Amino acid sequence: MSEKHLGDAIKGFLNKSHLRNGIRAVQIEQIWEELMGKTIAKYTDKIQIINQKLFITTAVGPLKNELMFQKQQIIDRVNEAFGEKVISEVIIQ
């Protein structure tokens, strides 16, 4: 029997399970301020990852407009933070 570290075993389990998406959703909420800054995080009402799509909800019109221009940067930042391709599209609501 081969030996595995507990961390490797957990990562393997998460990669195969449906829990991975739920964990990513929680993680994105935790790092959102770090990725986008305090002002954007303050006015962001909701952030969700569903099927490699990042849904960003805000009621602030100018922020929606700014986020529309930053879609590719947001994708790059989030994927870099996770170390893998987690999202491929950003949807501003």
PDB file of N, CA and C in Angstrom:
ATOM      1  N   MET A   1       0.846  -1.174   0.000  1.00  0.00           N
ATOM      2  CA  MET A   1       0.000   0.000   0.000  1.00  0.00           C
ATOM      3  C   MET A   1       0.894   1.240   0.000  1.00  0.00           C
ATOM      4  N   SER A   2       0.591   2.199  -0.854  1.00  0.00           N
ATOM      5  CA  SER A   2       1.396   3.416  -0.912  1.00  0.00           C
ATOM      6  C   SER A   2       0.958   4.393   0.165  1.00  0.00           C
ATOM      7  N   GLU A   3       1.907   5.203   0.599  1.00  0.00           N
ATOM      8  CA  GLU A   3       1.607   6.197   1.622  1.00  0.00           C
ATOM      9  C   GLU A   3       1.203   7.503   0.964  1.00  0.00           C
ATOM     10  N   LYS A   4       0.242   8.172   1.581  1.00  0.00           N
ATOM     11  CA  LYS A   4      -0.197   9.487   1.125  1.00  0.00           C
ATOM     12  C   LYS A   4      -0.275  10.400   2.325  1.00  0.00           C
ATOM     13  N   HIS A   5       0.043  11.635   2.106  1.00  0.00           N
ATOM     14  CA  HIS A   5      -0.147  12.606   3.162  1.00  0.00           C
ATOM     15  C   HIS A   5      -1.640  12.909   3.263  1.00  0.00           C
ATOM     16  N   LEU A   6      -2.087  13.273   4.428  1.00  0.00           N
ATOM     17  CA  LEU A   6      -3.504  13.567   4.651  1.00  0.00           C
ATOM     18  C   LEU A   6      -3.972  14.689   3.727  1.00  0.00           C
ATOM     19  N   GLY A   7      -3.152  15.728   3.570  1.00  0.00           N
ATOM     20  CA  GLY A   7      -3.510  16.840   2.692  1.00  0.00           C
ATOM     21  C   GLY A   7      -3.723  16.388   1.260  1.00  0.00           C
ATOM     22  N   ASP A   8      -2.860  15.491   0.776  1.00  0.00           N
ATOM     23  CA  ASP A   8      -3.005  14.978  -0.587  1.00  0.00           C
ATOM     24  C   ASP A   8      -4.275  14.157  -0.730  1.00  0.00           C
ATOM     25  N   ALA A   9      -4.581  13.392   0.288  1.00  0.00           N
ATOM     26  CA  ALA A   9      -5.802  12.581   0.261  1.00  0.00           C
ATOM     27  C   ALA A   9      -7.042  13.469   0.235  1.00  0.00           C
ATOM     28  N   ILE A  10      -7.031  14.545   1.023  1.00  0.00           N
ATOM     29  CA  ILE A  10      -8.177  15.461   1.055  1.00  0.00           C
ATOM     30  C   ILE A  10      -8.325  16.162  -0.293  1.00  0.00           C
ATOM     31  N   LYS A  11      -7.209  16.623  -0.867  1.00  0.00           N
ATOM     32  CA  LYS A  11      -7.273  17.276  -2.181  1.00  0.00           C
ATOM     33  C   LYS A  11      -7.823  16.322  -3.232  1.00  0.00           C
ATOM     34  N   GLY A  12      -7.392  15.070  -3.189  1.00  0.00           N
ATOM     35  CA  GLY A  12      -7.891  14.081  -4.129  1.00  0.00           C
ATOM     36  C   GLY A  12      -9.384  13.867  -3.990  1.00  0.00           C
ATOM     37  N   PHE A  13      -9.841  13.792  -2.750  1.00  0.00           N
ATOM     38  CA  PHE A  13     -11.271  13.629  -2.488  1.00  0.00           C
ATOM     39  C   PHE A  13     -12.061  14.825  -3.012  1.00  0.00           C
ATOM     40  N   LEU A  14     -11.585  16.034  -2.713  1.00  0.00           N
ATOM     41  CA  LEU A  14     -12.302  17.236  -3.133  1.00  0.00           C
ATOM     42  C   LEU A  14     -12.338  17.369  -4.643  1.00  0.00           C
ATOM     43  N   ASN A  15     -11.266  16.960  -5.318  1.00  0.00           N
ATOM     44  CA  ASN A  15     -11.237  17.033  -6.776  1.00  0.00           C
ATOM     45  C   ASN A  15     -12.282  16.128  -7.406  1.00  0.00           C
ATOM     46  N   LYS A  16     -12.621  15.052  -6.737  1.00  0.00           N
ATOM     47  CA  LYS A  16     -13.590  14.096  -7.275  1.00  0.00           C
ATOM     48  C   LYS A  16     -15.014  14.342  -6.788  1.00  0.00           C
ATOM     49  N   SER A  17     -15.177  15.151  -5.750  1.00  0.00           N
ATOM     50  CA  SER A  17     -16.503  15.322  -5.162  1.00  0.00           C
ATOM     51  C   SER A  17     -17.150  16.628  -5.624  1.00  0.00           C
ATOM     52  N   HIS A  18     -18.430  16.749  -5.330  1.00  0.00           N
ATOM     53  CA  HIS A  18     -19.180  17.963  -5.651  1.00  0.00           C
ATOM     54  C   HIS A  18     -18.974  19.035  -4.583  1.00  0.00           C
ATOM     55  N   LEU A  19     -18.308  18.718  -3.513  1.00  0.00           N
ATOM     56  CA  LEU A  19     -18.046  19.691  -2.456  1.00  0.00           C
ATOM     57  C   LEU A  19     -17.078  20.774  -2.907  1.00  0.00           C
ATOM     58  N   ARG A  20     -16.297  20.462  -3.901  1.00  0.00           N
ATOM     59  CA  ARG A  20     -15.269  21.389  -4.369  1.00  0.00           C
ATOM     60  C   ARG A  20     -15.864  22.740  -4.752  1.00  0.00           C
ATOM     61  N   ASN A  21     -16.984  22.742  -5.470  1.00  0.00           N
ATOM     62  CA  ASN A  21     -17.608  23.993  -5.887  1.00  0.00           C
ATOM     63  C   ASN A  21     -18.092  24.799  -4.690  1.00  0.00           C
ATOM     64  N   GLY A  22     -18.635  24.134  -3.706  1.00  0.00           N
ATOM     65  CA  GLY A  22     -19.087  24.826  -2.504  1.00  0.00           C
ATOM     66  C   GLY A  22     -17.929  25.442  -1.745  1.00  0.00           C
ATOM     67  N   ILE A  23     -16.834  24.736  -1.694  1.00  0.00           N
ATOM     68  CA  ILE A  23     -15.649  25.247  -1.014  1.00  0.00           C
ATOM     69  C   ILE A  23     -15.089  26.442  -1.767  1.00  0.00           C
ATOM     70  N   ARG A  24     -15.065  26.379  -3.075  1.00  0.00           N
ATOM     71  CA  ARG A  24     -14.592  27.507  -3.882  1.00  0.00           C
ATOM     72  C   ARG A  24     -15.467  28.739  -3.648  1.00  0.00           C
ATOM     73  N   ALA A  25     -16.763  28.529  -3.548  1.00  0.00           N
ATOM     74  CA  ALA A  25     -17.678  29.650  -3.319  1.00  0.00           C
ATOM     75  C   ALA A  25     -17.386  30.343  -1.997  1.00  0.00           C
ATOM     76  N   VAL A  26     -17.085  29.583  -0.974  1.00  0.00           N
ATOM     77  CA  VAL A  26     -16.754  30.163   0.330  1.00  0.00           C
ATOM     78  C   VAL A  26     -15.393  30.854   0.252  1.00  0.00           C
ATOM     79  N   GLN A  27     -14.455  30.234  -0.406  1.00  0.00           N
ATOM     80  CA  GLN A  27     -13.116  30.805  -0.514  1.00  0.00           C
ATOM     81  C   GLN A  27     -13.124  32.125  -1.276  1.00  0.00           C
ATOM     82  N   ILE A  28     -13.914  32.246  -2.329  1.00  0.00           N
ATOM     83  CA  ILE A  28     -13.940  33.485  -3.105  1.00  0.00           C
ATOM     84  C   ILE A  28     -14.464  34.629  -2.248  1.00  0.00           C
ATOM     85  N   GLU A  29     -15.435  34.348  -1.394  1.00  0.00           N
ATOM     86  CA  GLU A  29     -15.950  35.384  -0.494  1.00  0.00           C
ATOM     87  C   GLU A  29     -14.883  35.827   0.495  1.00  0.00           C
ATOM     88  N   GLN A  30     -14.049  34.906   0.927  1.00  0.00           N
ATOM     89  CA  GLN A  30     -13.009  35.224   1.892  1.00  0.00           C
ATOM     90  C   GLN A  30     -11.883  36.053   1.278  1.00  0.00           C
ATOM     91  N   ILE A  31     -11.553  35.846   0.017  1.00  0.00           N
ATOM     92  CA  ILE A  31     -10.422  36.545  -0.591  1.00  0.00           C
ATOM     93  C   ILE A  31     -10.841  37.708  -1.493  1.00  0.00           C
ATOM     94  N   TRP A  32     -12.143  37.954  -1.629  1.00  0.00           N
ATOM     95  CA  TRP A  32     -12.641  38.983  -2.540  1.00  0.00           C
ATOM     96  C   TRP A  32     -12.033  40.357  -2.244  1.00  0.00           C
ATOM     97  N   GLU A  33     -12.010  40.753  -0.985  1.00  0.00           N
ATOM     98  CA  GLU A  33     -11.455  42.058  -0.621  1.00  0.00           C
ATOM     99  C   GLU A  33      -9.975  42.142  -0.973  1.00  0.00           C
ATOM    100  N   GLU A  34      -9.254  41.079  -0.715  1.00  0.00           N
ATOM    101  CA  GLU A  34      -7.820  41.037  -1.040  1.00  0.00           C
ATOM    102  C   GLU A  34      -7.595  41.151  -2.549  1.00  0.00           C
ATOM    103  N   LEU A  35      -8.442  40.502  -3.331  1.00  0.00           N
ATOM    104  CA  LEU A  35      -8.294  40.526  -4.781  1.00  0.00           C
ATOM    105  C   LEU A  35      -8.702  41.862  -5.410  1.00  0.00           C
ATOM    106  N   MET A  36      -9.791  42.432  -4.909  1.00  0.00           N
ATOM    107  CA  MET A  36     -10.382  43.585  -5.586  1.00  0.00           C
ATOM    108  C   MET A  36     -10.264  44.904  -4.823  1.00  0.00           C
ATOM    109  N   GLY A  37      -9.887  44.850  -3.559  1.00  0.00           N
ATOM    110  CA  GLY A  37      -9.766  46.069  -2.771  1.00  0.00           C
ATOM    111  C   GLY A  37     -10.978  46.297  -1.886  1.00  0.00           C
ATOM    112  N   LYS A  38     -10.781  47.120  -0.865  1.00  0.00           N
ATOM    113  CA  LYS A  38     -11.831  47.355   0.132  1.00  0.00           C
ATOM    114  C   LYS A  38     -13.072  48.026  -0.439  1.00  0.00           C
ATOM    115  N   THR A  39     -12.889  48.999  -1.319  1.00  0.00           N
ATOM    116  CA  THR A  39     -14.038  49.743  -1.842  1.00  0.00           C
ATOM    117  C   THR A  39     -14.953  48.845  -2.657  1.00  0.00           C
ATOM    118  N   ILE A  40     -14.374  48.092  -3.576  1.00  0.00           N
ATOM    119  CA  ILE A  40     -15.197  47.186  -4.398  1.00  0.00           C
ATOM    120  C   ILE A  40     -15.855  46.130  -3.520  1.00  0.00           C
ATOM    121  N   ALA A  41     -15.112  45.563  -2.597  1.00  0.00           N
ATOM    122  CA  ALA A  41     -15.667  44.536  -1.709  1.00  0.00           C
ATOM    123  C   ALA A  41     -16.810  45.099  -0.868  1.00  0.00           C
ATOM    124  N   LYS A  42     -16.673  46.337  -0.431  1.00  0.00           N
ATOM    125  CA  LYS A  42     -17.701  46.969   0.418  1.00  0.00           C
ATOM    126  C   LYS A  42     -19.043  47.092  -0.316  1.00  0.00           C
ATOM    127  N   TYR A  43     -18.973  47.373  -1.609  1.00  0.00           N
ATOM    128  CA  TYR A  43     -20.198  47.600  -2.375  1.00  0.00           C
ATOM    129  C   TYR A  43     -20.638  46.386  -3.197  1.00  0.00           C
ATOM    130  N   THR A  44     -19.977  45.276  -3.000  1.00  0.00           N
ATOM    131  CA  THR A  44     -20.401  44.040  -3.646  1.00  0.00           C
ATOM    132  C   THR A  44     -21.371  43.328  -2.713  1.00  0.00           C
ATOM    133  N   ASP A  45     -22.581  43.084  -3.192  1.00  0.00           N
ATOM    134  CA  ASP A  45     -23.612  42.476  -2.350  1.00  0.00           C
ATOM    135  C   ASP A  45     -23.482  40.961  -2.265  1.00  0.00           C
ATOM    136  N   LYS A  46     -23.117  40.330  -3.368  1.00  0.00           N
ATOM    137  CA  LYS A  46     -23.079  38.869  -3.412  1.00  0.00           C
ATOM    138  C   LYS A  46     -22.076  38.406  -4.458  1.00  0.00           C
ATOM    139  N   ILE A  47     -21.369  37.318  -4.141  1.00  0.00           N
ATOM    140  CA  ILE A  47     -20.415  36.719  -5.073  1.00  0.00           C
ATOM    141  C   ILE A  47     -20.681  35.222  -5.082  1.00  0.00           C
ATOM    142  N   GLN A  48     -20.830  34.646  -6.266  1.00  0.00           N
ATOM    143  CA  GLN A  48     -21.077  33.216  -6.389  1.00  0.00           C
ATOM    144  C   GLN A  48     -20.276  32.642  -7.546  1.00  0.00           C
ATOM    145  N   ILE A  49     -19.829  31.408  -7.376  1.00  0.00           N
ATOM    146  CA  ILE A  49     -19.221  30.674  -8.487  1.00  0.00           C
ATOM    147  C   ILE A  49     -20.145  29.506  -8.802  1.00  0.00           C
ATOM    148  N   ILE A  50     -20.644  29.499 -10.034  1.00  0.00           N
ATOM    149  CA  ILE A  50     -21.523  28.424 -10.485  1.00  0.00           C
ATOM    150  C   ILE A  50     -21.053  28.011 -11.880  1.00  0.00           C
ATOM    151  N   ASN A  51     -20.658  26.760 -12.034  1.00  0.00           N
ATOM    152  CA  ASN A  51     -20.225  26.224 -13.334  1.00  0.00           C
ATOM    153  C   ASN A  51     -19.169  27.098 -14.007  1.00  0.00           C
ATOM    154  N   GLN A  52     -18.136  27.413 -13.302  1.00  0.00           N
ATOM    155  CA  GLN A  52     -17.010  28.227 -13.781  1.00  0.00           C
ATOM    156  C   GLN A  52     -17.410  29.642 -14.160  1.00  0.00           C
ATOM    157  N   LYS A  53     -18.537  30.111 -13.658  1.00  0.00           N
ATOM    158  CA  LYS A  53     -18.969  31.487 -13.884  1.00  0.00           C
ATOM    159  C   LYS A  53     -18.988  32.192 -12.536  1.00  0.00           C
ATOM    160  N   LEU A  54     -18.380  33.371 -12.490  1.00  0.00           N
ATOM    161  CA  LEU A  54     -18.380  34.181 -11.279  1.00  0.00           C
ATOM    162  C   LEU A  54     -19.481  35.212 -11.415  1.00  0.00           C
ATOM    163  N   PHE A  55     -20.475  35.123 -10.536  1.00  0.00           N
ATOM    164  CA  PHE A  55     -21.588  36.068 -10.525  1.00  0.00           C
ATOM    165  C   PHE A  55     -21.305  37.114  -9.459  1.00  0.00           C
ATOM    166  N   ILE A  56     -21.275  38.379  -9.862  1.00  0.00           N
ATOM    167  CA  ILE A  56     -21.023  39.486  -8.947  1.00  0.00           C
ATOM    168  C   ILE A  56     -22.277  40.346  -8.929  1.00  0.00           C
ATOM    169  N   THR A  57     -22.855  40.526  -7.736  1.00  0.00           N
ATOM    170  CA  THR A  57     -24.075  41.315  -7.596  1.00  0.00           C
ATOM    171  C   THR A  57     -23.775  42.588  -6.828  1.00  0.00           C
ATOM    172  N   THR A  58     -24.180  43.722  -7.403  1.00  0.00           N
ATOM    173  CA  THR A  58     -24.047  45.013  -6.749  1.00  0.00           C
ATOM    174  C   THR A  58     -25.179  45.921  -7.210  1.00  0.00           C
ATOM    175  N   ALA A  59     -25.603  46.808  -6.328  1.00  0.00           N
ATOM    176  CA  ALA A  59     -26.663  47.754  -6.665  1.00  0.00           C
ATOM    177  C   ALA A  59     -26.088  49.096  -7.117  1.00  0.00           C
ATOM    178  N   VAL A  60     -24.778  49.237  -7.108  1.00  0.00           N
ATOM    179  CA  VAL A  60     -24.112  50.496  -7.439  1.00  0.00           C
ATOM    180  C   VAL A  60     -23.800  50.532  -8.939  1.00  0.00           C
ATOM    181  N   GLY A  61     -24.498  51.407  -9.658  1.00  0.00           N
ATOM    182  CA  GLY A  61     -24.352  51.501 -11.107  1.00  0.00           C
ATOM    183  C   GLY A  61     -22.931  51.747 -11.590  1.00  0.00           C
ATOM    184  N   PRO A  62     -22.244  52.759 -11.048  1.00  0.00           N
ATOM    185  CA  PRO A  62     -20.869  53.002 -11.509  1.00  0.00           C
ATOM    186  C   PRO A  62     -19.933  51.809 -11.257  1.00  0.00           C
ATOM    187  N   LEU A  63     -20.156  51.092 -10.174  1.00  0.00           N
ATOM    188  CA  LEU A  63     -19.337  49.916  -9.892  1.00  0.00           C
ATOM    189  C   LEU A  63     -19.604  48.820 -10.921  1.00  0.00           C
ATOM    190  N   LYS A  64     -20.859  48.632 -11.279  1.00  0.00           N
ATOM    191  CA  LYS A  64     -21.196  47.651 -12.322  1.00  0.00           C
ATOM    192  C   LYS A  64     -20.441  47.978 -13.606  1.00  0.00           C
ATOM    193  N   ASN A  65     -20.454  49.254 -13.955  1.00  0.00           N
ATOM    194  CA  ASN A  65     -19.772  49.693 -15.172  1.00  0.00           C
ATOM    195  C   ASN A  65     -18.277  49.416 -15.084  1.00  0.00           C
ATOM    196  N   GLU A  66     -17.663  49.743 -13.965  1.00  0.00           N
ATOM    197  CA  GLU A  66     -16.227  49.513 -13.780  1.00  0.00           C
ATOM    198  C   GLU A  66     -15.894  48.024 -13.848  1.00  0.00           C
ATOM    199  N   LEU A  67     -16.720  47.198 -13.215  1.00  0.00           N
ATOM    200  CA  LEU A  67     -16.483  45.756 -13.224  1.00  0.00           C
ATOM    201  C   LEU A  67     -16.611  45.169 -14.631  1.00  0.00           C
ATOM    202  N   MET A  68     -17.497  45.740 -15.434  1.00  0.00           N
ATOM    203  CA  MET A  68     -17.653  45.276 -16.814  1.00  0.00           C
ATOM    204  C   MET A  68     -16.339  45.434 -17.591  1.00  0.00           C
ATOM    205  N   PHE A  69     -15.643  46.526 -17.339  1.00  0.00           N
ATOM    206  CA  PHE A  69     -14.374  46.775 -18.021  1.00  0.00           C
ATOM    207  C   PHE A  69     -13.240  45.912 -17.478  1.00  0.00           C
ATOM    208  N   GLN A  70     -13.403  45.375 -16.274  1.00  0.00           N
ATOM    209  CA  GLN A  70     -12.344  44.603 -15.628  1.00  0.00           C
ATOM    210  C   GLN A  70     -12.577  43.090 -15.673  1.00  0.00           C
ATOM    211  N   LYS A  71     -13.495  42.616 -16.471  1.00  0.00           N
ATOM    212  CA  LYS A  71     -13.844  41.195 -16.471  1.00  0.00           C
ATOM    213  C   LYS A  71     -12.633  40.277 -16.639  1.00  0.00           C
ATOM    214  N   GLN A  72     -11.797  40.536 -17.624  1.00  0.00           N
ATOM    215  CA  GLN A  72     -10.651  39.659 -17.862  1.00  0.00           C
ATOM    216  C   GLN A  72      -9.657  39.733 -16.705  1.00  0.00           C
ATOM    217  N   GLN A  73      -9.466  40.911 -16.148  1.00  0.00           N
ATOM    218  CA  GLN A  73      -8.569  41.055 -14.994  1.00  0.00           C
ATOM    219  C   GLN A  73      -9.099  40.278 -13.791  1.00  0.00           C
ATOM    220  N   ILE A  74     -10.412  40.295 -13.604  1.00  0.00           N
ATOM    221  CA  ILE A  74     -11.026  39.560 -12.497  1.00  0.00           C
ATOM    222  C   ILE A  74     -10.803  38.065 -12.697  1.00  0.00           C
ATOM    223  N   ILE A  75     -11.035  37.586 -13.910  1.00  0.00           N
ATOM    224  CA  ILE A  75     -10.821  36.163 -14.215  1.00  0.00           C
ATOM    225  C   ILE A  75      -9.375  35.785 -13.915  1.00  0.00           C
ATOM    226  N   ASP A  76      -8.449  36.602 -14.399  1.00  0.00           N
ATOM    227  CA  ASP A  76      -7.024  36.313 -14.185  1.00  0.00           C
ATOM    228  C   ASP A  76      -6.661  36.307 -12.705  1.00  0.00           C
ATOM    229  N   ARG A  77      -7.144  37.283 -11.955  1.00  0.00           N
ATOM    230  CA  ARG A  77      -6.829  37.376 -10.520  1.00  0.00           C
ATOM    231  C   ARG A  77      -7.379  36.194  -9.736  1.00  0.00           C
ATOM    232  N   VAL A  78      -8.626  35.841 -10.003  1.00  0.00           N
ATOM    233  CA  VAL A  78      -9.256  34.734  -9.272  1.00  0.00           C
ATOM    234  C   VAL A  78      -8.541  33.419  -9.591  1.00  0.00           C
ATOM    235  N   ASN A  79      -8.305  33.166 -10.865  1.00  0.00           N
ATOM    236  CA  ASN A  79      -7.632  31.925 -11.256  1.00  0.00           C
ATOM    237  C   ASN A  79      -6.217  31.858 -10.688  1.00  0.00           C
ATOM    238  N   GLU A  80      -5.527  32.980 -10.669  1.00  0.00           N
ATOM    239  CA  GLU A  80      -4.181  33.016 -10.097  1.00  0.00           C
ATOM    240  C   GLU A  80      -4.228  32.750  -8.591  1.00  0.00           C
ATOM    241  N   ALA A  81      -5.211  33.330  -7.910  1.00  0.00           N
ATOM    242  CA  ALA A  81      -5.332  33.134  -6.463  1.00  0.00           C
ATOM    243  C   ALA A  81      -5.577  31.667  -6.111  1.00  0.00           C
ATOM    244  N   PHE A  82      -6.348  30.967  -6.941  1.00  0.00           N
ATOM    245  CA  PHE A  82      -6.642  29.563  -6.688  1.00  0.00           C
ATOM    246  C   PHE A  82      -5.593  28.622  -7.272  1.00  0.00           C
ATOM    247  N   GLY A  83      -4.746  29.141  -8.140  1.00  0.00           N
ATOM    248  CA  GLY A  83      -3.695  28.319  -8.734  1.00  0.00           C
ATOM    249  C   GLY A  83      -4.196  27.360  -9.798  1.00  0.00           C
ATOM    250  N   GLU A  84      -5.384  27.606 -10.287  1.00  0.00           N
ATOM    251  CA  GLU A  84      -5.955  26.779 -11.351  1.00  0.00           C
ATOM    252  C   GLU A  84      -7.105  27.540 -11.988  1.00  0.00           C
ATOM    253  N   LYS A  85      -7.611  27.029 -13.114  1.00  0.00           N
ATOM    254  CA  LYS A  85      -8.720  27.683 -13.794  1.00  0.00           C
ATOM    255  C   LYS A  85     -10.027  27.352 -13.085  1.00  0.00           C
ATOM    256  N   VAL A  86     -10.479  28.304 -12.279  1.00  0.00           N
ATOM    257  CA  VAL A  86     -11.698  28.125 -11.495  1.00  0.00           C
ATOM    258  C   VAL A  86     -12.866  28.778 -12.205  1.00  0.00           C
ATOM    259  N   ILE A  87     -12.620  29.944 -12.825  1.00  0.00           N
ATOM    260  CA  ILE A  87     -13.683  30.626 -13.544  1.00  0.00           C
ATOM    261  C   ILE A  87     -13.238  30.938 -14.970  1.00  0.00           C
ATOM    262  N   SER A  88     -14.201  30.980 -15.861  1.00  0.00           N
ATOM    263  CA  SER A  88     -13.914  31.322 -17.250  1.00  0.00           C
ATOM    264  C   SER A  88     -14.768  32.491 -17.724  1.00  0.00           C
ATOM    265  N   GLU A  89     -15.717  32.920 -16.886  1.00  0.00           N
ATOM    266  CA  GLU A  89     -16.613  33.993 -17.272  1.00  0.00           C
ATOM    267  C   GLU A  89     -17.037  34.775 -16.025  1.00  0.00           C
ATOM    268  N   VAL A  90     -17.245  36.077 -16.203  1.00  0.00           N
ATOM    269  CA  VAL A  90     -17.735  36.928 -15.118  1.00  0.00           C
ATOM    270  C   VAL A  90     -19.070  37.522 -15.556  1.00  0.00           C
ATOM    271  N   ILE A  91     -20.049  37.424 -14.671  1.00  0.00           N
ATOM    272  CA  ILE A  91     -21.366  37.973 -14.958  1.00  0.00           C
ATOM    273  C   ILE A  91     -21.687  39.003 -13.878  1.00  0.00           C
ATOM    274  N   ILE A  92     -21.945  40.239 -14.317  1.00  0.00           N
ATOM    275  CA  ILE A  92     -22.246  41.336 -13.394  1.00  0.00           C
ATOM    276  C   ILE A  92     -23.768  41.490 -13.325  1.00  0.00           C
ATOM    277  N   GLN A  93     -24.285  41.487 -12.097  1.00  0.00           N
ATOM    278  CA  GLN A  93     -25.735  41.610 -11.916  1.00  0.00           C
ATOM    279  C   GLN A  93     -26.056  42.830 -11.099  1.00  0.00           C
TER     280      GLN A  93
END
